[in-house]
Amino acid sequence: MAEKLETEFCYFDFTLPEGRQEKRPFQKKDLVVFGTPTIAGRVPNVLLKYLSTIEGRGALAVPISLYGNRNYDDCLIELRDILTKQEFYPIAAGAFIGEHSFSKILGAGRPDTKDLQILMEFAEKIVKKLETEDKTLIEVKGTPEPYRSYYQPRDKKGNPIDIRKVKPLTNDKCTDCKICVGVCPMGSLVLKNVLKMQNIMKMKDICIINMS
């Protein structure tokens, strides 16, 4: 979009805890493409406090949800509503498939070439909308507030599974590289306790799937 609009762009990554420390006030002249993952059908609750600090100040916004090929449920409508409350003006929105974070089967190989082509077409439509000065607010699939509860997976017999008890594991393929510590969105892993001879990693905070 920046290339087609012949303008500069900035990239902000708030995946890691330190990326969520700085407040980011935007301006009315800005166009903000704002992406979050879908966790259990909703915006991750670990992000809610941070998102409430971002000031839109009339900036245009494009909420984006990435989901693991099950469903994005109310994540996109929730993100749109959050941005609206923070004085953004959503003019487009999209939900896109990526490989599921807990599976190598769900969404395997996604996004693929076709997905990337759809993304390009999506960007082109937004540019055309801006060129025609069409700032119509978008409608988004999902349940308006109150949103549905976080999705709870079930076993083969249909019984609910409490995924809050799931913890990251190591096995004999672990090389003790510590990369997992640096990329954990919660900052939960303890550096000195990520060892290949340990089965369950020691954590100083909850796992991202620990939904309330």
C-alpha atoms as a PDB file:
ATOM      1  CA  MET A   1       0.000   0.000   0.000  1.00  0.00           C
ATOM      2  CA  ALA A   2       2.813   2.377   0.860  1.00  0.00           C
ATOM      3  CA  GLU A   3       4.436   1.692  -2.502  1.00  0.00           C
ATOM      4  CA  LYS A   4       1.218   2.286  -4.414  1.00  0.00           C
ATOM      5  CA  LEU A   5       0.492   5.430  -2.394  1.00  0.00           C
ATOM      6  CA  GLU A   6       4.109   6.559  -2.927  1.00  0.00           C
ATOM      7  CA  THR A   7       4.605   7.247   0.746  1.00  0.00           C
ATOM      8  CA  GLU A   8       6.886   6.141   3.557  1.00  0.00           C
ATOM      9  CA  PHE A   9       5.839   3.668   6.213  1.00  0.00           C
ATOM     10  CA  CYS A  10       6.869   2.683   9.731  1.00  0.00           C
ATOM     11  CA  TYR A  11       6.728  -0.797  11.199  1.00  0.00           C
ATOM     12  CA  PHE A  12       5.931  -1.396  14.875  1.00  0.00           C
ATOM     13  CA  ASP A  13       6.226  -4.881  16.365  1.00  0.00           C
ATOM     14  CA  PHE A  14       4.469  -5.457  19.718  1.00  0.00           C
ATOM     15  CA  THR A  15       4.862  -9.242  19.734  1.00  0.00           C
ATOM     16  CA  LEU A  16       7.279  -9.205  22.669  1.00  0.00           C
ATOM     17  CA  PRO A  17       6.591  -7.605  26.076  1.00  0.00           C
ATOM     18  CA  GLU A  18       9.136  -4.805  25.529  1.00  0.00           C
ATOM     19  CA  GLY A  19       7.318  -3.837  22.341  1.00  0.00           C
ATOM     20  CA  ARG A  20       4.230  -3.101  24.423  1.00  0.00           C
ATOM     21  CA  GLN A  21       5.906  -0.637  26.764  1.00  0.00           C
ATOM     22  CA  GLU A  22       5.913   2.420  24.529  1.00  0.00           C
ATOM     23  CA  LYS A  23       2.719   4.374  23.810  1.00  0.00           C
ATOM     24  CA  ARG A  24       2.103   5.064  20.138  1.00  0.00           C
ATOM     25  CA  PRO A  25       0.011   8.149  19.378  1.00  0.00           C
ATOM     26  CA  PHE A  26      -1.065   8.368  15.742  1.00  0.00           C
ATOM     27  CA  GLN A  27      -2.363  11.344  13.763  1.00  0.00           C
ATOM     28  CA  LYS A  28      -5.356  11.961  11.534  1.00  0.00           C
ATOM     29  CA  LYS A  29      -3.173  11.822   8.416  1.00  0.00           C
ATOM     30  CA  ASP A  30      -1.997   8.274   9.214  1.00  0.00           C
ATOM     31  CA  LEU A  31      -3.202   4.980   7.771  1.00  0.00           C
ATOM     32  CA  VAL A  32      -2.574   2.192  10.285  1.00  0.00           C
ATOM     33  CA  VAL A  33      -2.662  -1.481   9.283  1.00  0.00           C
ATOM     34  CA  PHE A  34      -3.175  -3.159  12.645  1.00  0.00           C
ATOM     35  CA  GLY A  35      -2.722  -6.905  12.976  1.00  0.00           C
ATOM     36  CA  THR A  36      -3.194  -9.326  15.869  1.00  0.00           C
ATOM     37  CA  PRO A  37      -3.379 -13.107  16.049  1.00  0.00           C
ATOM     38  CA  THR A  38      -6.632 -14.832  16.875  1.00  0.00           C
ATOM     39  CA  ILE A  39      -6.379 -16.799  20.109  1.00  0.00           C
ATOM     40  CA  ALA A  40      -9.407 -18.978  20.923  1.00  0.00           C
ATOM     41  CA  GLY A  41     -11.584 -16.862  18.634  1.00  0.00           C
ATOM     42  CA  ARG A  42     -10.786 -13.517  20.245  1.00  0.00           C
ATOM     43  CA  VAL A  43      -8.160 -10.790  20.435  1.00  0.00           C
ATOM     44  CA  PRO A  44      -5.522 -12.205  22.829  1.00  0.00           C
ATOM     45  CA  ASN A  45      -6.367 -10.937  26.293  1.00  0.00           C
ATOM     46  CA  VAL A  46      -2.687 -10.278  26.953  1.00  0.00           C
ATOM     47  CA  LEU A  47      -2.951  -7.453  24.391  1.00  0.00           C
ATOM     48  CA  LEU A  48      -6.074  -5.756  25.731  1.00  0.00           C
ATOM     49  CA  LYS A  49      -4.309  -3.508  28.247  1.00  0.00           C
ATOM     50  CA  TYR A  50      -1.747  -2.423  25.649  1.00  0.00           C
ATOM     51  CA  LEU A  51      -4.372  -1.746  22.978  1.00  0.00           C
ATOM     52  CA  SER A  52      -6.243   0.537  25.385  1.00  0.00           C
ATOM     53  CA  THR A  53      -3.207   2.856  25.503  1.00  0.00           C
ATOM     54  CA  ILE A  54      -2.905   3.448  21.756  1.00  0.00           C
ATOM     55  CA  GLU A  55      -4.259   6.814  20.597  1.00  0.00           C
ATOM     56  CA  GLY A  56      -5.794   6.920  17.129  1.00  0.00           C
ATOM     57  CA  ARG A  57      -6.575  10.645  17.001  1.00  0.00           C
ATOM     58  CA  GLY A  58      -8.680  10.160  13.891  1.00  0.00           C
ATOM     59  CA  ALA A  59      -6.195   7.993  11.962  1.00  0.00           C
ATOM     60  CA  LEU A  60      -7.587   5.614   9.347  1.00  0.00           C
ATOM     61  CA  ALA A  61      -7.215   1.961  10.313  1.00  0.00           C
ATOM     62  CA  VAL A  62      -7.264  -1.492   8.722  1.00  0.00           C
ATOM     63  CA  PRO A  63      -7.718  -4.199  11.408  1.00  0.00           C
ATOM     64  CA  ILE A  64      -6.227  -7.565  10.441  1.00  0.00           C
ATOM     65  CA  SER A  65      -6.737 -10.926  12.123  1.00  0.00           C
ATOM     66  CA  LEU A  66      -4.471 -13.934  11.538  1.00  0.00           C
ATOM     67  CA  TYR A  67      -6.036 -17.260  12.499  1.00  0.00           C
ATOM     68  CA  GLY A  68      -4.940 -20.878  12.414  1.00  0.00           C
ATOM     69  CA  ASN A  69      -7.459 -22.249   9.916  1.00  0.00           C
ATOM     70  CA  ARG A  70     -10.203 -22.991  12.455  1.00  0.00           C
ATOM     71  CA  ASN A  71     -12.117 -19.706  12.680  1.00  0.00           C
ATOM     72  CA  TYR A  72     -11.477 -16.130  13.720  1.00  0.00           C
ATOM     73  CA  ASP A  73     -14.905 -15.991  15.432  1.00  0.00           C
ATOM     74  CA  ASP A  74     -15.179 -12.540  17.089  1.00  0.00           C
ATOM     75  CA  CYS A  75     -11.511 -11.520  16.898  1.00  0.00           C
ATOM     76  CA  LEU A  76     -11.858  -9.192  13.927  1.00  0.00           C
ATOM     77  CA  ILE A  77     -15.002  -7.430  15.112  1.00  0.00           C
ATOM     78  CA  GLU A  78     -13.468  -7.088  18.580  1.00  0.00           C
ATOM     79  CA  LEU A  79     -10.287  -5.563  17.136  1.00  0.00           C
ATOM     80  CA  ARG A  80     -12.316  -3.191  14.987  1.00  0.00           C
ATOM     81  CA  ASP A  81     -14.328  -2.080  18.018  1.00  0.00           C
ATOM     82  CA  ILE A  82     -11.183  -1.579  20.102  1.00  0.00           C
ATOM     83  CA  LEU A  83      -9.640   0.603  17.415  1.00  0.00           C
ATOM     84  CA  THR A  84     -12.869   2.594  17.062  1.00  0.00           C
ATOM     85  CA  LYS A  85     -12.948   3.223  20.817  1.00  0.00           C
ATOM     86  CA  GLN A  86      -9.343   4.437  20.589  1.00  0.00           C
ATOM     87  CA  GLU A  87     -10.418   7.034  17.984  1.00  0.00           C
ATOM     88  CA  PHE A  88      -9.265   5.184  14.880  1.00  0.00           C
ATOM     89  CA  TYR A  89     -11.487   5.148  11.803  1.00  0.00           C
ATOM     90  CA  PRO A  90     -11.590   1.596  10.313  1.00  0.00           C
ATOM     91  CA  ILE A  91     -12.125   1.700   6.539  1.00  0.00           C
ATOM     92  CA  ALA A  92     -11.319  -1.944   5.711  1.00  0.00           C
ATOM     93  CA  ALA A  93     -10.666  -5.216   7.536  1.00  0.00           C
ATOM     94  CA  GLY A  94      -9.411  -8.682   6.746  1.00  0.00           C
ATOM     95  CA  ALA A  95      -8.935 -12.134   8.280  1.00  0.00           C
ATOM     96  CA  PHE A  96      -6.189 -14.341   6.887  1.00  0.00           C
ATOM     97  CA  ILE A  97      -5.020 -17.916   7.485  1.00  0.00           C
ATOM     98  CA  GLY A  98      -1.612 -18.895   8.836  1.00  0.00           C
ATOM     99  CA  GLU A  99      -0.228 -22.138  10.185  1.00  0.00           C
ATOM    100  CA  HIS A 100      -1.812 -22.919  13.561  1.00  0.00           C
ATOM    101  CA  SER A 101       0.516 -22.237  16.470  1.00  0.00           C
ATOM    102  CA  PHE A 102      -0.120 -25.659  18.060  1.00  0.00           C
ATOM    103  CA  SER A 103      -0.191 -27.759  14.909  1.00  0.00           C
ATOM    104  CA  LYS A 104       1.855 -28.529  11.812  1.00  0.00           C
ATOM    105  CA  ILE A 105      -1.305 -29.796  10.112  1.00  0.00           C
ATOM    106  CA  LEU A 106      -3.863 -26.996  10.566  1.00  0.00           C
ATOM    107  CA  GLY A 107      -3.070 -24.310   8.017  1.00  0.00           C
ATOM    108  CA  ALA A 108       0.119 -26.106   6.944  1.00  0.00           C
ATOM    109  CA  GLY A 109       2.093 -24.036   4.450  1.00  0.00           C
ATOM    110  CA  ARG A 110      -0.136 -21.011   4.886  1.00  0.00           C
ATOM    111  CA  PRO A 111       0.064 -18.282   3.837  1.00  0.00           C
ATOM    112  CA  ASP A 112       0.736 -19.745   0.391  1.00  0.00           C
ATOM    113  CA  THR A 113       1.081 -18.099  -3.015  1.00  0.00           C
ATOM    114  CA  LYS A 114      -2.690 -17.789  -3.420  1.00  0.00           C
ATOM    115  CA  ASP A 115      -3.002 -16.187   0.021  1.00  0.00           C
ATOM    116  CA  LEU A 116      -0.324 -13.631  -0.836  1.00  0.00           C
ATOM    117  CA  GLN A 117      -2.125 -12.810  -4.083  1.00  0.00           C
ATOM    118  CA  ILE A 118      -5.342 -12.209  -2.132  1.00  0.00           C
ATOM    119  CA  LEU A 119      -3.384  -9.912   0.192  1.00  0.00           C
ATOM    120  CA  MET A 120      -2.120  -7.928  -2.798  1.00  0.00           C
ATOM    121  CA  GLU A 121      -5.666  -7.574  -4.145  1.00  0.00           C
ATOM    122  CA  PHE A 122      -6.846  -6.543  -0.682  1.00  0.00           C
ATOM    123  CA  ALA A 123      -4.197  -3.817  -0.558  1.00  0.00           C
ATOM    124  CA  GLU A 124      -5.135  -2.596  -4.027  1.00  0.00           C
ATOM    125  CA  LYS A 125      -8.793  -2.298  -3.043  1.00  0.00           C
ATOM    126  CA  ILE A 126      -7.840  -0.192  -0.027  1.00  0.00           C
ATOM    127  CA  VAL A 127      -5.710   2.102  -2.192  1.00  0.00           C
ATOM    128  CA  LYS A 128      -8.592   2.559  -4.649  1.00  0.00           C
ATOM    129  CA  LYS A 129     -10.918   3.335  -1.763  1.00  0.00           C
ATOM    130  CA  LEU A 130      -8.529   6.010  -0.526  1.00  0.00           C
ATOM    131  CA  GLU A 131      -8.130   7.471  -4.020  1.00  0.00           C
ATOM    132  CA  THR A 132     -11.891   7.913  -4.313  1.00  0.00           C
ATOM    133  CA  GLU A 133     -11.933   9.427  -0.805  1.00  0.00           C
ATOM    134  CA  ASP A 134     -14.443   6.767   0.231  1.00  0.00           C
ATOM    135  CA  LYS A 135     -14.186   6.558   4.016  1.00  0.00           C
ATOM    136  CA  THR A 136     -17.222   4.403   4.620  1.00  0.00           C
ATOM    137  CA  LEU A 137     -16.981   2.492   7.899  1.00  0.00           C
ATOM    138  CA  ILE A 138     -16.824  -1.251   7.334  1.00  0.00           C
ATOM    139  CA  GLU A 139     -19.082  -3.989   8.612  1.00  0.00           C
ATOM    140  CA  VAL A 140     -17.281  -7.011  10.033  1.00  0.00           C
ATOM    141  CA  LYS A 141     -18.356 -10.621  10.493  1.00  0.00           C
ATOM    142  CA  GLY A 142     -18.802 -11.543  14.148  1.00  0.00           C
ATOM    143  CA  THR A 143     -20.986 -11.097  17.206  1.00  0.00           C
ATOM    144  CA  PRO A 144     -21.323  -7.500  18.480  1.00  0.00           C
ATOM    145  CA  GLU A 145     -20.636  -6.874  22.156  1.00  0.00           C
ATOM    146  CA  PRO A 146     -20.939  -8.835  24.335  1.00  0.00           C
ATOM    147  CA  TYR A 147     -18.599 -11.077  22.331  1.00  0.00           C
ATOM    148  CA  ARG A 148     -18.665 -14.839  22.547  1.00  0.00           C
ATOM    149  CA  SER A 149     -16.515 -16.480  25.215  1.00  0.00           C
ATOM    150  CA  TYR A 150     -13.078 -17.744  24.284  1.00  0.00           C
ATOM    151  CA  TYR A 151     -13.353 -20.906  22.221  1.00  0.00           C
ATOM    152  CA  GLN A 152     -12.739 -24.082  24.211  1.00  0.00           C
ATOM    153  CA  PRO A 153     -11.448 -27.129  22.315  1.00  0.00           C
ATOM    154  CA  ARG A 154     -12.937 -30.564  22.866  1.00  0.00           C
ATOM    155  CA  ASP A 155     -11.634 -34.107  22.675  1.00  0.00           C
ATOM    156  CA  LYS A 156     -12.892 -36.773  20.252  1.00  0.00           C
ATOM    157  CA  LYS A 157     -15.811 -37.528  22.570  1.00  0.00           C
ATOM    158  CA  GLY A 158     -16.876 -33.894  22.709  1.00  0.00           C
ATOM    159  CA  ASN A 159     -15.637 -33.244  26.242  1.00  0.00           C
ATOM    160  CA  PRO A 160     -14.139 -29.783  26.910  1.00  0.00           C
ATOM    161  CA  ILE A 161     -10.343 -29.635  27.264  1.00  0.00           C
ATOM    162  CA  ASP A 162      -8.785 -27.129  29.656  1.00  0.00           C
ATOM    163  CA  ILE A 163      -5.874 -25.834  27.565  1.00  0.00           C
ATOM    164  CA  ARG A 164      -4.790 -23.534  30.396  1.00  0.00           C
ATOM    165  CA  LYS A 165      -2.839 -26.468  31.802  1.00  0.00           C
ATOM    166  CA  VAL A 166      -0.762 -26.849  28.632  1.00  0.00           C
ATOM    167  CA  LYS A 167       2.903 -25.950  29.061  1.00  0.00           C
ATOM    168  CA  PRO A 168       5.719 -25.754  26.490  1.00  0.00           C
ATOM    169  CA  LEU A 169       7.883 -28.876  26.383  1.00  0.00           C
ATOM    170  CA  THR A 170      11.379 -29.783  25.280  1.00  0.00           C
ATOM    171  CA  ASN A 171      12.600 -33.111  23.960  1.00  0.00           C
ATOM    172  CA  ASP A 172      15.843 -34.739  22.845  1.00  0.00           C
ATOM    173  CA  LYS A 173      15.879 -32.584  19.697  1.00  0.00           C
ATOM    174  CA  CYS A 174      16.390 -29.447  21.802  1.00  0.00           C
ATOM    175  CA  THR A 175      19.850 -27.916  21.199  1.00  0.00           C
ATOM    176  CA  ASP A 176      19.589 -25.503  24.131  1.00  0.00           C
ATOM    177  CA  CYS A 177      19.807 -22.532  21.744  1.00  0.00           C
ATOM    178  CA  LYS A 178      17.468 -20.401  23.926  1.00  0.00           C
ATOM    179  CA  ILE A 179      15.692 -18.934  20.870  1.00  0.00           C
ATOM    180  CA  CYS A 180      12.309 -19.775  22.423  1.00  0.00           C
ATOM    181  CA  VAL A 181      13.102 -17.476  25.360  1.00  0.00           C
ATOM    182  CA  GLY A 182      13.635 -14.508  23.067  1.00  0.00           C
ATOM    183  CA  VAL A 183      10.514 -15.013  20.965  1.00  0.00           C
ATOM    184  CA  CYS A 184       7.984 -15.840  23.718  1.00  0.00           C
ATOM    185  CA  PRO A 185       5.244 -13.156  23.468  1.00  0.00           C
ATOM    186  CA  MET A 186       4.653 -13.400  27.215  1.00  0.00           C
ATOM    187  CA  GLY A 187       8.325 -13.269  28.214  1.00  0.00           C
ATOM    188  CA  SER A 188       7.463 -16.270  30.363  1.00  0.00           C
ATOM    189  CA  LEU A 189      10.408 -18.590  29.804  1.00  0.00           C
ATOM    190  CA  VAL A 190      13.357 -18.563  32.202  1.00  0.00           C
ATOM    191  CA  LEU A 191      16.681 -18.403  30.334  1.00  0.00           C
ATOM    192  CA  LYS A 192      18.674 -20.730  32.553  1.00  0.00           C
ATOM    193  CA  ASN A 193      15.921 -23.349  32.684  1.00  0.00           C
ATOM    194  CA  VAL A 194      15.501 -24.038  28.988  1.00  0.00           C
ATOM    195  CA  LEU A 195      17.529 -27.235  28.857  1.00  0.00           C
ATOM    196  CA  LYS A 196      17.160 -30.211  26.591  1.00  0.00           C
ATOM    197  CA  MET A 197      17.358 -32.643  29.507  1.00  0.00           C
ATOM    198  CA  GLN A 198      14.283 -31.041  31.076  1.00  0.00           C
ATOM    199  CA  ASN A 199      10.850 -32.094  29.928  1.00  0.00           C
ATOM    200  CA  ILE A 200       8.749 -29.154  31.135  1.00  0.00           C
ATOM    201  CA  MET A 201      10.177 -25.641  30.941  1.00  0.00           C
ATOM    202  CA  LYS A 202      10.177 -23.496  34.057  1.00  0.00           C
ATOM    203  CA  MET A 203       8.038 -20.407  33.581  1.00  0.00           C
ATOM    204  CA  LYS A 204       7.903 -17.066  35.361  1.00  0.00           C
ATOM    205  CA  ASP A 205       4.509 -16.121  33.910  1.00  0.00           C
ATOM    206  CA  ILE A 206       1.500 -17.705  32.229  1.00  0.00           C
ATOM    207  CA  CYS A 207       1.423 -19.186  28.751  1.00  0.00           C
ATOM    208  CA  ILE A 208      -0.373 -17.142  26.087  1.00  0.00           C
ATOM    209  CA  ILE A 209      -3.111 -19.781  25.932  1.00  0.00           C
ATOM    210  CA  ASN A 210      -3.935 -19.261  29.606  1.00  0.00           C
ATOM    211  CA  MET A 211      -7.219 -17.444  28.985  1.00  0.00           C
ATOM    212  CA  SER A 212      -9.380 -16.050  31.746  1.00  0.00           C
END
